[in-house]
Amino acid sequence: MLSRSLFRAARPCCRLYSSTTGTGTAPPMLLKIRKDLKTAMQDKDKNKLNVLRALLSQSLNASKTNSPIVTDMQMLALVRKNAAASKQAAAEFVEAGRQDLADKEAEQMRVMEEYIGEVKTVGEEEIRK
């Protein structure tokens, strides 16, 4: 006798689930950071590589919360926050007499300042015109 499983209709092997969140495009600044990460890996620029990895990590962590990073302004705020933290850390290292670590933080701030300068911001006067 044949078992019943042979007579059963074939079912699709994969299931598709819809999600409530869309997979929108990433902000241009985030895409540039990802591209620059690859370049830093090829150039073996450890300092820039560490900064970009930290920014991408924080961006990924933010994407898992209720307020993911979807605009350049949100990414700019994240970079500015990191730059301020590096500036404060550099000041603390100088007070503690650790000039080597202060120089390292200054280099990290330089990398972040490059990205801060790339985003165009509009002043109040330009908005009112």
N, C-alpha and C. Protein backbone atom coordinates (compact mmCIF):
# COMPACT_ATOMS: atom_id res chain seq x y z
N MET A 1 0.82 -1.19 0.00
CA MET A 1 0.00 0.00 0.00
C MET A 1 0.86 1.25 0.00
N LEU A 2 0.36 2.25 -0.60
CA LEU A 2 1.06 3.53 -0.66
C LEU A 2 0.65 4.38 0.53
N SER A 3 1.61 5.09 1.04
CA SER A 3 1.29 5.96 2.17
C SER A 3 0.59 7.23 1.69
N ARG A 4 -0.11 7.86 2.60
CA ARG A 4 -0.88 9.06 2.26
C ARG A 4 0.02 10.23 1.87
N SER A 5 1.26 10.26 2.33
CA SER A 5 2.13 11.39 2.02
C SER A 5 2.44 11.49 0.53
N LEU A 6 2.36 10.39 -0.19
CA LEU A 6 2.60 10.44 -1.63
C LEU A 6 1.46 11.10 -2.37
N PHE A 7 0.28 11.06 -1.83
CA PHE A 7 -0.88 11.64 -2.50
C PHE A 7 -1.10 13.11 -2.14
N ARG A 8 -0.38 13.59 -1.17
CA ARG A 8 -0.54 14.98 -0.72
C ARG A 8 0.02 15.94 -1.77
N ALA A 9 -0.63 17.06 -1.95
CA ALA A 9 -0.18 18.05 -2.94
C ALA A 9 1.13 18.70 -2.46
N ALA A 10 1.95 19.04 -3.40
CA ALA A 10 3.22 19.70 -3.06
C ALA A 10 2.95 21.11 -2.55
N ARG A 11 3.65 21.48 -1.50
CA ARG A 11 3.50 22.82 -0.92
C ARG A 11 4.78 23.60 -1.19
N PRO A 12 4.64 24.90 -1.25
CA PRO A 12 5.87 25.69 -1.46
C PRO A 12 6.82 25.52 -0.28
N CYS A 13 8.10 25.54 -0.58
CA CYS A 13 9.09 25.27 0.45
C CYS A 13 9.51 26.52 1.21
N CYS A 14 9.16 27.67 0.74
CA CYS A 14 9.55 28.88 1.46
C CYS A 14 8.32 29.74 1.70
N ARG A 15 8.38 30.51 2.76
CA ARG A 15 7.26 31.38 3.11
C ARG A 15 7.72 32.82 3.09
N LEU A 16 6.86 33.67 2.66
CA LEU A 16 7.16 35.09 2.63
C LEU A 16 6.36 35.78 3.72
N TYR A 17 7.02 36.59 4.47
CA TYR A 17 6.37 37.34 5.53
C TYR A 17 6.48 38.82 5.21
N SER A 18 5.40 39.51 5.42
CA SER A 18 5.46 40.96 5.22
C SER A 18 5.83 41.62 6.53
N SER A 19 6.52 42.70 6.43
CA SER A 19 6.91 43.41 7.65
C SER A 19 6.30 44.80 7.62
N THR A 20 6.22 45.39 8.78
CA THR A 20 5.62 46.71 8.87
C THR A 20 6.62 47.80 8.54
N THR A 21 7.90 47.49 8.60
CA THR A 21 8.90 48.50 8.29
C THR A 21 9.42 48.28 6.89
N GLY A 22 9.56 49.37 6.16
CA GLY A 22 10.07 49.28 4.81
C GLY A 22 11.58 49.26 4.81
N THR A 23 12.13 48.87 3.72
CA THR A 23 13.58 48.87 3.59
C THR A 23 13.97 50.05 2.72
N GLY A 24 13.75 51.25 3.24
CA GLY A 24 14.06 52.46 2.50
C GLY A 24 15.54 52.58 2.23
N THR A 25 15.87 53.56 1.45
CA THR A 25 17.27 53.76 1.12
C THR A 25 17.98 54.43 2.28
N ALA A 26 19.24 54.18 2.38
CA ALA A 26 20.06 54.75 3.44
C ALA A 26 20.40 56.20 3.09
N PRO A 27 20.67 57.02 4.10
CA PRO A 27 21.06 58.40 3.81
C PRO A 27 22.38 58.44 3.03
N PRO A 28 22.54 59.44 2.16
CA PRO A 28 23.78 59.52 1.36
C PRO A 28 25.05 59.56 2.21
N MET A 29 24.99 60.20 3.36
CA MET A 29 26.18 60.28 4.22
C MET A 29 26.57 58.89 4.72
N LEU A 30 25.58 58.07 5.05
CA LEU A 30 25.85 56.71 5.51
C LEU A 30 26.45 55.87 4.38
N LEU A 31 25.95 56.06 3.17
CA LEU A 31 26.51 55.34 2.02
C LEU A 31 27.96 55.75 1.78
N LYS A 32 28.25 57.04 1.94
CA LYS A 32 29.62 57.53 1.77
C LYS A 32 30.54 56.94 2.84
N ILE A 33 30.04 56.84 4.07
CA ILE A 33 30.84 56.27 5.15
C ILE A 33 31.16 54.81 4.85
N ARG A 34 30.18 54.07 4.34
CA ARG A 34 30.42 52.67 3.98
C ARG A 34 31.47 52.55 2.87
N LYS A 35 31.36 53.44 1.88
CA LYS A 35 32.33 53.42 0.77
C LYS A 35 33.73 53.79 1.29
N ASP A 36 33.80 54.79 2.16
CA ASP A 36 35.09 55.21 2.71
C ASP A 36 35.68 54.15 3.63
N LEU A 37 34.82 53.34 4.24
CA LEU A 37 35.31 52.24 5.08
C LEU A 37 36.10 51.25 4.22
N LYS A 38 35.58 50.94 3.06
CA LYS A 38 36.29 50.03 2.16
C LYS A 38 37.62 50.62 1.72
N THR A 39 37.61 51.93 1.43
CA THR A 39 38.84 52.60 1.02
C THR A 39 39.86 52.59 2.16
N ALA A 40 39.39 52.84 3.38
CA ALA A 40 40.29 52.85 4.54
C ALA A 40 40.88 51.46 4.78
N MET A 41 40.09 50.42 4.50
CA MET A 41 40.61 49.05 4.64
C MET A 41 41.71 48.80 3.62
N GLN A 42 41.48 49.26 2.39
CA GLN A 42 42.48 49.05 1.34
C GLN A 42 43.75 49.84 1.63
N ASP A 43 43.59 51.06 2.17
CA ASP A 43 44.74 51.92 2.47
C ASP A 43 45.41 51.57 3.80
N LYS A 44 44.76 50.69 4.56
CA LYS A 44 45.26 50.29 5.89
C LYS A 44 45.40 51.49 6.83
N ASP A 45 44.42 52.39 6.74
CA ASP A 45 44.38 53.58 7.60
C ASP A 45 43.62 53.21 8.87
N LYS A 46 44.34 52.78 9.89
CA LYS A 46 43.74 52.26 11.12
C LYS A 46 42.86 53.29 11.83
N ASN A 47 43.34 54.53 11.90
CA ASN A 47 42.61 55.56 12.62
C ASN A 47 41.25 55.82 11.97
N LYS A 48 41.24 56.05 10.66
CA LYS A 48 40.00 56.30 9.95
C LYS A 48 39.10 55.08 9.99
N LEU A 49 39.70 53.91 9.90
CA LEU A 49 38.95 52.67 9.94
C LEU A 49 38.21 52.51 11.26
N ASN A 50 38.88 52.81 12.37
CA ASN A 50 38.24 52.70 13.68
C ASN A 50 37.10 53.69 13.84
N VAL A 51 37.29 54.91 13.35
CA VAL A 51 36.24 55.93 13.46
C VAL A 51 35.02 55.51 12.63
N LEU A 52 35.25 55.07 11.41
CA LEU A 52 34.13 54.70 10.53
C LEU A 52 33.40 53.46 11.05
N ARG A 53 34.14 52.52 11.59
CA ARG A 53 33.49 51.33 12.17
C ARG A 53 32.63 51.72 13.36
N ALA A 54 33.10 52.64 14.17
CA ALA A 54 32.33 53.09 15.33
C ALA A 54 31.05 53.78 14.87
N LEU A 55 31.15 54.63 13.84
CA LEU A 55 29.97 55.33 13.34
C LEU A 55 28.96 54.34 12.75
N LEU A 56 29.44 53.37 11.99
CA LEU A 56 28.53 52.38 11.41
C LEU A 56 27.89 51.52 12.49
N SER A 57 28.65 51.20 13.51
CA SER A 57 28.11 50.41 14.62
C SER A 57 27.01 51.17 15.34
N GLN A 58 27.24 52.44 15.60
CA GLN A 58 26.22 53.24 16.28
C GLN A 58 25.00 53.43 15.39
N SER A 59 25.21 53.55 14.10
CA SER A 59 24.10 53.67 13.17
C SER A 59 23.27 52.39 13.15
N LEU A 60 23.95 51.25 13.17
CA LEU A 60 23.25 49.96 13.19
C LEU A 60 22.47 49.80 14.49
N ASN A 61 23.07 50.18 15.60
CA ASN A 61 22.37 50.09 16.88
C ASN A 61 21.15 51.01 16.90
N ALA A 62 21.26 52.17 16.29
CA ALA A 62 20.12 53.09 16.23
C ALA A 62 19.01 52.53 15.34
N SER A 63 19.38 51.76 14.33
CA SER A 63 18.36 51.20 13.43
C SER A 63 17.51 50.15 14.12
N LYS A 64 17.99 49.62 15.24
CA LYS A 64 17.24 48.61 15.97
C LYS A 64 16.34 49.22 17.04
N THR A 65 16.32 50.55 17.13
CA THR A 65 15.48 51.23 18.11
C THR A 65 14.26 51.80 17.41
N ASN A 66 13.48 52.56 18.16
CA ASN A 66 12.28 53.17 17.59
C ASN A 66 12.59 54.34 16.68
N SER A 67 13.80 54.89 16.76
CA SER A 67 14.15 56.04 15.93
C SER A 67 15.42 55.74 15.11
N PRO A 68 15.27 55.00 14.01
CA PRO A 68 16.45 54.69 13.20
C PRO A 68 16.93 55.92 12.44
N ILE A 69 18.16 55.87 11.98
CA ILE A 69 18.74 56.98 11.23
C ILE A 69 18.30 56.84 9.77
N VAL A 70 17.51 57.82 9.31
CA VAL A 70 16.99 57.77 7.94
C VAL A 70 17.36 59.01 7.13
N THR A 71 17.91 60.04 7.78
CA THR A 71 18.28 61.25 7.06
C THR A 71 19.73 61.62 7.34
N ASP A 72 20.25 62.48 6.48
CA ASP A 72 21.61 62.97 6.68
C ASP A 72 21.72 63.79 7.96
N MET A 73 20.67 64.50 8.33
CA MET A 73 20.72 65.32 9.54
C MET A 73 20.84 64.46 10.79
N GLN A 74 20.17 63.32 10.81
CA GLN A 74 20.29 62.41 11.94
C GLN A 74 21.70 61.81 12.00
N MET A 75 22.25 61.49 10.84
CA MET A 75 23.61 60.96 10.79
C MET A 75 24.60 62.04 11.19
N LEU A 76 24.35 63.28 10.77
CA LEU A 76 25.21 64.40 11.15
C LEU A 76 25.18 64.61 12.66
N ALA A 77 24.01 64.48 13.27
CA ALA A 77 23.91 64.62 14.72
C ALA A 77 24.73 63.53 15.42
N LEU A 78 24.71 62.33 14.89
CA LEU A 78 25.50 61.23 15.47
C LEU A 78 26.99 61.52 15.36
N VAL A 79 27.43 62.02 14.22
CA VAL A 79 28.85 62.33 14.02
C VAL A 79 29.27 63.48 14.94
N ARG A 80 28.41 64.50 15.05
CA ARG A 80 28.72 65.63 15.94
C ARG A 80 28.81 65.18 17.39
N LYS A 81 27.93 64.28 17.79
CA LYS A 81 27.97 63.77 19.16
C LYS A 81 29.28 63.03 19.43
N ASN A 82 29.72 62.24 18.46
CA ASN A 82 30.99 61.52 18.61
C ASN A 82 32.17 62.48 18.62
N ALA A 83 32.10 63.53 17.80
CA ALA A 83 33.18 64.51 17.76
C ALA A 83 33.28 65.24 19.10
N ALA A 84 32.14 65.57 19.69
CA ALA A 84 32.14 66.24 20.99
C ALA A 84 32.71 65.32 22.07
N ALA A 85 32.37 64.04 22.00
CA ALA A 85 32.90 63.09 22.97
C ALA A 85 34.41 62.94 22.82
N SER A 86 34.91 62.95 21.58
CA SER A 86 36.35 62.86 21.35
C SER A 86 37.06 64.11 21.85
N LYS A 87 36.43 65.25 21.65
CA LYS A 87 37.03 66.51 22.12
C LYS A 87 37.15 66.52 23.64
N GLN A 88 36.10 66.06 24.30
CA GLN A 88 36.12 66.00 25.77
C GLN A 88 37.16 64.99 26.25
N ALA A 89 37.24 63.86 25.58
CA ALA A 89 38.22 62.84 25.97
C ALA A 89 39.64 63.36 25.77
N ALA A 90 39.87 64.10 24.69
CA ALA A 90 41.21 64.66 24.45
C ALA A 90 41.59 65.63 25.55
N ALA A 91 40.63 66.45 25.99
CA ALA A 91 40.91 67.41 27.07
C ALA A 91 41.25 66.67 28.36
N GLU A 92 40.53 65.59 28.63
CA GLU A 92 40.80 64.81 29.84
C GLU A 92 42.16 64.13 29.77
N PHE A 93 42.55 63.67 28.58
CA PHE A 93 43.85 63.04 28.42
C PHE A 93 44.98 64.05 28.62
N VAL A 94 44.77 65.28 28.15
CA VAL A 94 45.79 66.31 28.34
C VAL A 94 45.95 66.61 29.83
N GLU A 95 44.82 66.69 30.55
CA GLU A 95 44.87 66.94 32.00
C GLU A 95 45.61 65.81 32.72
N ALA A 96 45.43 64.60 32.24
CA ALA A 96 46.05 63.44 32.88
C ALA A 96 47.51 63.25 32.45
N GLY A 97 47.96 64.07 31.50
CA GLY A 97 49.34 63.95 31.05
C GLY A 97 49.57 62.87 30.02
N ARG A 98 48.52 62.44 29.34
CA ARG A 98 48.63 61.39 28.31
C ARG A 98 48.52 62.04 26.93
N GLN A 99 49.58 62.67 26.49
CA GLN A 99 49.57 63.38 25.21
C GLN A 99 49.39 62.43 24.04
N ASP A 100 49.89 61.20 24.15
CA ASP A 100 49.74 60.23 23.07
C ASP A 100 48.27 59.91 22.80
N LEU A 101 47.51 59.73 23.87
CA LEU A 101 46.08 59.45 23.70
C LEU A 101 45.32 60.69 23.25
N ALA A 102 45.76 61.86 23.70
CA ALA A 102 45.14 63.11 23.27
C ALA A 102 45.34 63.31 21.77
N ASP A 103 46.53 62.97 21.27
CA ASP A 103 46.80 63.08 19.83
C ASP A 103 45.93 62.11 19.03
N LYS A 104 45.74 60.92 19.58
CA LYS A 104 44.89 59.92 18.92
C LYS A 104 43.45 60.43 18.82
N GLU A 105 42.95 61.01 19.89
CA GLU A 105 41.59 61.57 19.88
C GLU A 105 41.49 62.75 18.91
N ALA A 106 42.55 63.55 18.83
CA ALA A 106 42.56 64.69 17.90
C ALA A 106 42.48 64.19 16.45
N GLU A 107 43.17 63.10 16.15
CA GLU A 107 43.11 62.52 14.81
C GLU A 107 41.70 62.00 14.51
N GLN A 108 41.07 61.40 15.50
CA GLN A 108 39.70 60.92 15.30
C GLN A 108 38.75 62.09 15.08
N MET A 109 38.96 63.18 15.81
CA MET A 109 38.13 64.37 15.60
C MET A 109 38.32 64.92 14.19
N ARG A 110 39.55 64.89 13.69
CA ARG A 110 39.83 65.37 12.34
C ARG A 110 39.04 64.57 11.30
N VAL A 111 38.99 63.26 11.48
CA VAL A 111 38.23 62.41 10.55
C VAL A 111 36.75 62.75 10.61
N MET A 112 36.23 62.94 11.82
CA MET A 112 34.80 63.25 11.95
C MET A 112 34.47 64.64 11.42
N GLU A 113 35.40 65.58 11.57
CA GLU A 113 35.18 66.94 11.05
C GLU A 113 35.07 66.93 9.53
N GLU A 114 35.76 66.01 8.87
CA GLU A 114 35.64 65.89 7.41
C GLU A 114 34.19 65.60 7.03
N TYR A 115 33.56 64.70 7.75
CA TYR A 115 32.18 64.33 7.44
C TYR A 115 31.19 65.41 7.87
N ILE A 116 31.49 66.10 8.94
CA ILE A 116 30.61 67.19 9.38
C ILE A 116 30.60 68.30 8.33
N GLY A 117 31.76 68.59 7.75
CA GLY A 117 31.86 69.65 6.75
C GLY A 117 31.21 69.32 5.42
N GLU A 118 30.96 68.06 5.15
CA GLU A 118 30.39 67.66 3.86
C GLU A 118 28.89 67.87 3.77
N VAL A 119 28.20 67.91 4.89
CA VAL A 119 26.75 68.07 4.86
C VAL A 119 26.42 69.55 4.81
N LYS A 120 25.65 69.93 3.81
CA LYS A 120 25.27 71.33 3.68
C LYS A 120 24.14 71.63 4.67
N THR A 121 24.34 72.67 5.45
CA THR A 121 23.30 73.12 6.36
C THR A 121 22.84 74.50 5.92
N VAL A 122 21.58 74.77 6.11
CA VAL A 122 20.98 76.02 5.68
C VAL A 122 20.70 76.87 6.90
N GLY A 123 21.09 78.12 6.84
CA GLY A 123 20.85 79.04 7.94
C GLY A 123 19.43 79.57 7.91
N GLU A 124 19.05 80.25 8.98
CA GLU A 124 17.70 80.81 9.08
C GLU A 124 17.43 81.85 8.01
N GLU A 125 18.46 82.66 7.68
CA GLU A 125 18.28 83.71 6.67
C GLU A 125 17.93 83.11 5.31
N GLU A 126 18.57 81.99 4.96
CA GLU A 126 18.30 81.37 3.67
C GLU A 126 16.92 80.74 3.62
N ILE A 127 16.44 80.29 4.76
CA ILE A 127 15.10 79.69 4.80
C ILE A 127 14.05 80.76 4.59
N ARG A 128 14.26 81.92 5.18
CA ARG A 128 13.27 83.00 5.10
C ARG A 128 13.24 83.68 3.74
N LYS A 129 14.28 83.52 2.93
CA LYS A 129 14.33 84.18 1.61
C LYS A 129 13.35 83.57 0.65
